[in-house]
Amino acid sequence: MKVAYPIVISKGEKYLLASIPDCEIDTQGINVVDTIEMARDAISIWCVDMQDDGKELPPASDIADIKSSSGDIVTLVDADLAAYRRKLDNRTIRKNLTIPSWLNEQAENANVNFSQVLQKALKEELQIAN
């Protein structure tokens, strides 16, 4: 399920502040891009919690009806709740892989945790931050 809610970005003392009126939540970021990402994350968390509690998500307000001050940025932020749930899914999946015998022997002798090494290598390859 995908949702989009309007947000209001305003300048704070040190950070940009993002208000998400329909969700009655706020967040902040260091620049506009970071603030939008933080808003997307906050919306996703809030919506998933609402769904998990069996509550209905509120409809998105019309962006034209959002009140803001001069200098504020009013924009829509989308969130893919199914993708967010998949990202949070820490179930383990069994994979079968093939490596040379000599490498397996050396790794076992060094007490290498194959799962940890593969996870680390995949995150590095995919440029995923821990």
N, C-alpha and C. Protein backbone atom coordinates (compact mmCIF):
# COMPACT_ATOMS: atom_id res chain seq x y z
N MET A 1 0.84 -1.18 0.00
CA MET A 1 0.00 0.00 0.00
C MET A 1 0.89 1.24 0.00
N LYS A 2 0.53 2.17 -0.85
CA LYS A 2 1.26 3.43 -0.92
C LYS A 2 0.37 4.56 -0.42
N VAL A 3 0.99 5.50 0.28
CA VAL A 3 0.27 6.66 0.79
C VAL A 3 1.09 7.91 0.44
N ALA A 4 0.45 9.05 0.48
CA ALA A 4 1.13 10.34 0.31
C ALA A 4 0.43 11.35 1.20
N TYR A 5 1.21 12.01 2.03
CA TYR A 5 0.67 13.01 2.95
C TYR A 5 1.41 14.32 2.76
N PRO A 6 0.70 15.44 2.91
CA PRO A 6 1.38 16.73 2.84
C PRO A 6 2.22 16.96 4.09
N ILE A 7 3.35 17.64 3.90
CA ILE A 7 4.20 18.03 5.01
C ILE A 7 4.52 19.52 4.88
N VAL A 8 4.86 20.12 6.01
CA VAL A 8 5.28 21.52 6.03
C VAL A 8 6.71 21.53 6.57
N ILE A 9 7.63 22.06 5.76
CA ILE A 9 9.03 22.16 6.18
C ILE A 9 9.29 23.62 6.54
N SER A 10 9.77 23.82 7.76
CA SER A 10 10.10 25.17 8.21
C SER A 10 11.50 25.19 8.80
N LYS A 11 12.10 26.37 8.81
CA LYS A 11 13.46 26.52 9.29
C LYS A 11 13.45 26.63 10.81
N GLY A 12 14.21 25.74 11.46
CA GLY A 12 14.40 25.83 12.90
C GLY A 12 15.73 26.51 13.18
N GLU A 13 16.12 26.54 14.45
CA GLU A 13 17.40 27.16 14.80
C GLU A 13 18.58 26.44 14.17
N LYS A 14 18.57 25.11 14.27
CA LYS A 14 19.70 24.32 13.77
C LYS A 14 19.29 23.40 12.62
N TYR A 15 18.07 22.93 12.61
CA TYR A 15 17.60 21.94 11.63
C TYR A 15 16.36 22.46 10.92
N LEU A 16 16.02 21.77 9.84
CA LEU A 16 14.73 22.00 9.19
C LEU A 16 13.71 21.12 9.90
N LEU A 17 12.56 21.65 10.18
CA LEU A 17 11.51 20.93 10.88
C LEU A 17 10.43 20.52 9.89
N ALA A 18 9.96 19.31 10.02
CA ALA A 18 8.88 18.82 9.15
C ALA A 18 7.69 18.46 10.01
N SER A 19 6.58 19.08 9.72
CA SER A 19 5.33 18.77 10.40
C SER A 19 4.46 17.97 9.43
N ILE A 20 3.88 16.90 9.94
CA ILE A 20 2.99 16.06 9.13
C ILE A 20 1.61 16.12 9.78
N PRO A 21 0.81 17.12 9.41
CA PRO A 21 -0.44 17.39 10.12
C PRO A 21 -1.42 16.22 10.15
N ASP A 22 -1.57 15.49 9.06
CA ASP A 22 -2.54 14.39 9.03
C ASP A 22 -2.18 13.27 10.00
N CYS A 23 -0.91 13.12 10.29
CA CYS A 23 -0.44 12.07 11.19
C CYS A 23 -0.17 12.61 12.59
N GLU A 24 -0.24 13.92 12.73
CA GLU A 24 0.03 14.59 14.00
C GLU A 24 1.41 14.22 14.55
N ILE A 25 2.40 14.23 13.65
CA ILE A 25 3.78 13.94 14.03
C ILE A 25 4.72 14.96 13.41
N ASP A 26 5.90 15.06 13.99
CA ASP A 26 6.93 15.97 13.50
C ASP A 26 8.25 15.22 13.44
N THR A 27 9.14 15.73 12.60
CA THR A 27 10.50 15.21 12.52
C THR A 27 11.41 16.34 12.07
N GLN A 28 12.67 16.06 11.86
CA GLN A 28 13.59 17.11 11.43
C GLN A 28 14.68 16.53 10.56
N GLY A 29 15.40 17.40 9.87
CA GLY A 29 16.50 16.98 9.03
C GLY A 29 17.51 18.09 8.89
N ILE A 30 18.66 17.76 8.30
CA ILE A 30 19.73 18.75 8.18
C ILE A 30 19.63 19.59 6.92
N ASN A 31 18.91 19.07 5.91
CA ASN A 31 18.66 19.83 4.68
C ASN A 31 17.32 19.34 4.12
N VAL A 32 16.90 19.89 3.02
CA VAL A 32 15.56 19.56 2.49
C VAL A 32 15.46 18.07 2.15
N VAL A 33 16.46 17.53 1.47
CA VAL A 33 16.42 16.11 1.08
C VAL A 33 16.36 15.22 2.32
N ASP A 34 17.21 15.49 3.30
CA ASP A 34 17.21 14.70 4.53
C ASP A 34 15.88 14.84 5.27
N THR A 35 15.33 16.03 5.29
CA THR A 35 14.06 16.27 5.99
C THR A 35 12.93 15.49 5.33
N ILE A 36 12.91 15.46 4.00
CA ILE A 36 11.88 14.69 3.29
C ILE A 36 12.05 13.20 3.58
N GLU A 37 13.29 12.71 3.59
CA GLU A 37 13.54 11.29 3.92
C GLU A 37 13.09 10.98 5.34
N MET A 38 13.39 11.88 6.27
CA MET A 38 12.97 11.68 7.66
C MET A 38 11.44 11.68 7.76
N ALA A 39 10.80 12.56 7.00
CA ALA A 39 9.33 12.60 6.99
C ALA A 39 8.77 11.30 6.43
N ARG A 40 9.38 10.80 5.35
CA ARG A 40 8.94 9.54 4.76
C ARG A 40 9.05 8.40 5.78
N ASP A 41 10.16 8.37 6.49
CA ASP A 41 10.37 7.34 7.51
C ASP A 41 9.34 7.48 8.64
N ALA A 42 9.11 8.71 9.09
CA ALA A 42 8.14 8.95 10.17
C ALA A 42 6.73 8.55 9.74
N ILE A 43 6.36 8.91 8.52
CA ILE A 43 5.04 8.53 7.99
C ILE A 43 4.92 7.02 7.93
N SER A 44 5.96 6.35 7.44
CA SER A 44 5.94 4.89 7.32
C SER A 44 5.78 4.23 8.68
N ILE A 45 6.57 4.65 9.65
CA ILE A 45 6.47 4.08 11.00
C ILE A 45 5.07 4.29 11.55
N TRP A 46 4.57 5.51 11.45
CA TRP A 46 3.27 5.86 12.01
C TRP A 46 2.16 5.04 11.35
N CYS A 47 2.19 4.95 10.03
CA CYS A 47 1.15 4.21 9.30
C CYS A 47 1.19 2.71 9.61
N VAL A 48 2.39 2.14 9.65
CA VAL A 48 2.52 0.71 9.96
C VAL A 48 2.01 0.44 11.37
N ASP A 49 2.34 1.32 12.32
CA ASP A 49 1.83 1.16 13.69
C ASP A 49 0.30 1.23 13.71
N MET A 50 -0.26 2.18 12.98
CA MET A 50 -1.72 2.31 12.91
C MET A 50 -2.34 1.03 12.35
N GLN A 51 -1.78 0.53 11.25
CA GLN A 51 -2.29 -0.70 10.64
C GLN A 51 -2.18 -1.87 11.61
N ASP A 52 -1.03 -1.98 12.28
CA ASP A 52 -0.83 -3.09 13.22
C ASP A 52 -1.80 -3.02 14.39
N ASP A 53 -2.24 -1.81 14.74
CA ASP A 53 -3.22 -1.65 15.82
C ASP A 53 -4.66 -1.79 15.31
N GLY A 54 -4.82 -2.10 14.01
CA GLY A 54 -6.15 -2.29 13.43
C GLY A 54 -6.90 -0.99 13.19
N LYS A 55 -6.18 0.12 13.16
CA LYS A 55 -6.81 1.42 12.94
C LYS A 55 -6.73 1.81 11.47
N GLU A 56 -7.70 2.60 11.06
CA GLU A 56 -7.75 3.06 9.68
C GLU A 56 -6.86 4.29 9.52
N LEU A 57 -6.15 4.35 8.41
CA LEU A 57 -5.30 5.50 8.15
C LEU A 57 -6.16 6.69 7.76
N PRO A 58 -5.79 7.88 8.21
CA PRO A 58 -6.58 9.06 7.83
C PRO A 58 -6.37 9.39 6.36
N PRO A 59 -7.38 9.95 5.73
CA PRO A 59 -7.18 10.39 4.35
C PRO A 59 -6.22 11.57 4.33
N ALA A 60 -5.50 11.71 3.25
CA ALA A 60 -4.57 12.83 3.11
C ALA A 60 -5.34 14.11 2.86
N SER A 61 -4.91 15.17 3.53
CA SER A 61 -5.51 16.48 3.32
C SER A 61 -5.12 16.99 1.94
N ASP A 62 -5.96 17.87 1.41
CA ASP A 62 -5.62 18.55 0.16
C ASP A 62 -4.47 19.50 0.46
N ILE A 63 -3.43 19.45 -0.33
CA ILE A 63 -2.24 20.27 -0.08
C ILE A 63 -2.59 21.76 -0.07
N ALA A 64 -3.62 22.17 -0.80
CA ALA A 64 -4.03 23.57 -0.85
C ALA A 64 -4.63 24.02 0.49
N ASP A 65 -5.09 23.08 1.30
CA ASP A 65 -5.71 23.41 2.59
C ASP A 65 -4.71 23.45 3.75
N ILE A 66 -3.45 23.16 3.48
CA ILE A 66 -2.44 23.11 4.53
C ILE A 66 -1.99 24.54 4.87
N LYS A 67 -2.05 24.87 6.14
CA LYS A 67 -1.64 26.19 6.61
C LYS A 67 -0.13 26.21 6.82
N SER A 68 0.49 27.30 6.36
CA SER A 68 1.93 27.43 6.51
C SER A 68 2.29 28.91 6.64
N SER A 69 3.51 29.15 7.09
CA SER A 69 4.02 30.52 7.23
C SER A 69 4.86 30.87 6.01
N SER A 70 5.13 32.13 5.86
CA SER A 70 5.97 32.59 4.77
C SER A 70 7.35 31.95 4.87
N GLY A 71 7.86 31.44 3.77
CA GLY A 71 9.16 30.80 3.76
C GLY A 71 9.09 29.29 3.98
N ASP A 72 7.95 28.77 4.41
CA ASP A 72 7.80 27.33 4.58
C ASP A 72 7.67 26.65 3.23
N ILE A 73 8.04 25.39 3.19
CA ILE A 73 7.86 24.56 2.00
C ILE A 73 6.73 23.59 2.31
N VAL A 74 5.72 23.58 1.47
CA VAL A 74 4.62 22.62 1.60
C VAL A 74 4.71 21.67 0.42
N THR A 75 4.81 20.39 0.71
CA THR A 75 4.94 19.40 -0.36
C THR A 75 4.31 18.09 0.08
N LEU A 76 4.17 17.19 -0.86
CA LEU A 76 3.68 15.85 -0.55
C LEU A 76 4.86 14.90 -0.39
N VAL A 77 4.73 13.97 0.54
CA VAL A 77 5.72 12.93 0.72
C VAL A 77 5.01 11.59 0.62
N ASP A 78 5.54 10.73 -0.25
CA ASP A 78 4.95 9.41 -0.43
C ASP A 78 5.67 8.40 0.45
N ALA A 79 4.98 7.32 0.73
CA ALA A 79 5.58 6.22 1.49
C ALA A 79 4.98 4.91 0.97
N ASP A 80 5.84 3.94 0.72
CA ASP A 80 5.42 2.62 0.29
C ASP A 80 5.45 1.72 1.52
N LEU A 81 4.29 1.48 2.10
CA LEU A 81 4.22 0.75 3.37
C LEU A 81 4.63 -0.71 3.21
N ALA A 82 4.31 -1.32 2.08
CA ALA A 82 4.71 -2.72 1.86
C ALA A 82 6.23 -2.82 1.78
N ALA A 83 6.86 -1.88 1.07
CA ALA A 83 8.33 -1.88 0.98
C ALA A 83 8.95 -1.61 2.34
N TYR A 84 8.33 -0.73 3.12
CA TYR A 84 8.84 -0.44 4.46
C TYR A 84 8.78 -1.67 5.35
N ARG A 85 7.68 -2.41 5.26
CA ARG A 85 7.55 -3.65 6.04
C ARG A 85 8.62 -4.67 5.63
N ARG A 86 8.88 -4.77 4.33
CA ARG A 86 9.91 -5.71 3.85
C ARG A 86 11.28 -5.30 4.38
N LYS A 87 11.54 -4.01 4.43
CA LYS A 87 12.82 -3.51 4.93
C LYS A 87 13.01 -3.87 6.40
N LEU A 88 11.93 -3.90 7.15
CA LEU A 88 11.99 -4.22 8.58
C LEU A 88 11.96 -5.72 8.86
N ASP A 89 11.70 -6.50 7.82
CA ASP A 89 11.59 -7.95 8.00
C ASP A 89 12.98 -8.56 8.18
N ASN A 90 13.27 -8.98 9.38
CA ASN A 90 14.59 -9.54 9.68
C ASN A 90 14.59 -11.07 9.73
N ARG A 91 13.57 -11.67 9.14
CA ARG A 91 13.58 -13.13 9.07
C ARG A 91 14.83 -13.59 8.33
N THR A 92 15.34 -14.71 8.73
CA THR A 92 16.51 -15.24 8.02
C THR A 92 16.04 -16.15 6.90
N ILE A 93 16.78 -16.14 5.83
CA ILE A 93 16.50 -16.97 4.66
C ILE A 93 17.72 -17.86 4.44
N ARG A 94 17.46 -19.13 4.28
CA ARG A 94 18.57 -20.07 4.06
C ARG A 94 18.98 -20.02 2.59
N LYS A 95 20.29 -19.84 2.36
CA LYS A 95 20.83 -19.82 1.01
C LYS A 95 21.89 -20.90 0.89
N ASN A 96 21.93 -21.52 -0.25
CA ASN A 96 22.95 -22.52 -0.53
C ASN A 96 23.95 -21.87 -1.49
N LEU A 97 25.25 -21.95 -1.15
CA LEU A 97 26.24 -21.34 -2.02
C LEU A 97 27.41 -22.30 -2.23
N THR A 98 28.18 -21.99 -3.21
CA THR A 98 29.31 -22.85 -3.56
C THR A 98 30.60 -22.03 -3.50
N ILE A 99 31.59 -22.57 -2.79
CA ILE A 99 32.92 -21.96 -2.73
C ILE A 99 33.96 -23.06 -2.92
N PRO A 100 35.16 -22.71 -3.30
CA PRO A 100 36.21 -23.73 -3.46
C PRO A 100 36.51 -24.42 -2.12
N SER A 101 36.85 -25.69 -2.21
CA SER A 101 37.13 -26.49 -1.01
C SER A 101 38.24 -25.89 -0.17
N TRP A 102 39.32 -25.44 -0.81
CA TRP A 102 40.45 -24.89 -0.06
C TRP A 102 40.05 -23.64 0.73
N LEU A 103 39.12 -22.82 0.14
CA LEU A 103 38.67 -21.61 0.81
C LEU A 103 37.78 -21.95 2.00
N ASN A 104 36.93 -22.95 1.80
CA ASN A 104 36.07 -23.42 2.89
C ASN A 104 36.92 -23.91 4.07
N GLU A 105 37.96 -24.70 3.76
CA GLU A 105 38.81 -25.26 4.81
C GLU A 105 39.51 -24.15 5.60
N GLN A 106 40.05 -23.17 4.90
CA GLN A 106 40.74 -22.07 5.58
C GLN A 106 39.77 -21.25 6.43
N ALA A 107 38.61 -21.01 5.89
CA ALA A 107 37.62 -20.22 6.62
C ALA A 107 37.14 -20.97 7.87
N GLU A 108 36.90 -22.26 7.76
CA GLU A 108 36.49 -23.04 8.92
C GLU A 108 37.60 -23.08 9.97
N ASN A 109 38.86 -23.22 9.54
CA ASN A 109 39.99 -23.23 10.47
C ASN A 109 40.13 -21.89 11.20
N ALA A 110 39.71 -20.82 10.55
CA ALA A 110 39.78 -19.48 11.15
C ALA A 110 38.49 -19.12 11.90
N ASN A 111 37.57 -20.10 12.02
CA ASN A 111 36.27 -19.89 12.71
C ASN A 111 35.48 -18.72 12.13
N VAL A 112 35.49 -18.61 10.81
CA VAL A 112 34.76 -17.55 10.13
C VAL A 112 33.26 -17.87 10.18
N ASN A 113 32.47 -16.86 10.51
CA ASN A 113 31.01 -16.99 10.47
C ASN A 113 30.57 -16.65 9.04
N PHE A 114 30.23 -17.67 8.27
CA PHE A 114 29.91 -17.49 6.85
C PHE A 114 28.72 -16.54 6.65
N SER A 115 27.71 -16.66 7.50
CA SER A 115 26.53 -15.80 7.36
C SER A 115 26.89 -14.34 7.55
N GLN A 116 27.68 -14.03 8.56
CA GLN A 116 28.07 -12.64 8.81
C GLN A 116 28.91 -12.09 7.66
N VAL A 117 29.83 -12.89 7.17
CA VAL A 117 30.69 -12.44 6.07
C VAL A 117 29.86 -12.17 4.82
N LEU A 118 28.93 -13.06 4.52
CA LEU A 118 28.09 -12.87 3.33
C LEU A 118 27.20 -11.64 3.49
N GLN A 119 26.60 -11.46 4.66
CA GLN A 119 25.75 -10.28 4.89
C GLN A 119 26.56 -9.00 4.73
N LYS A 120 27.75 -8.96 5.32
CA LYS A 120 28.60 -7.78 5.23
C LYS A 120 28.97 -7.50 3.77
N ALA A 121 29.35 -8.55 3.05
CA ALA A 121 29.75 -8.38 1.65
C ALA A 121 28.57 -7.92 0.79
N LEU A 122 27.39 -8.47 1.03
CA LEU A 122 26.21 -8.06 0.26
C LEU A 122 25.85 -6.60 0.54
N LYS A 123 25.91 -6.19 1.80
CA LYS A 123 25.61 -4.80 2.13
C LYS A 123 26.62 -3.86 1.48
N GLU A 124 27.88 -4.26 1.49
CA GLU A 124 28.92 -3.45 0.86
C GLU A 124 28.68 -3.38 -0.65
N GLU A 125 28.41 -4.50 -1.26
CA GLU A 125 28.18 -4.56 -2.71
C GLU A 125 26.97 -3.73 -3.11
N LEU A 126 25.91 -3.76 -2.29
CA LEU A 126 24.68 -3.03 -2.58
C LEU A 126 24.67 -1.62 -2.01
N GLN A 127 25.77 -1.24 -1.38
CA GLN A 127 25.91 0.08 -0.77
C GLN A 127 24.79 0.37 0.21
N ILE A 128 24.56 -0.58 1.10
CA ILE A 128 23.54 -0.47 2.14
C ILE A 128 24.24 -0.18 3.46
N ALA A 129 23.83 0.90 4.11
CA ALA A 129 24.41 1.23 5.41
C ALA A 129 23.81 0.29 6.46
N ASN A 130 24.62 -0.05 7.44
CA ASN A 130 24.11 -0.91 8.52
C ASN A 130 23.04 -0.18 9.22
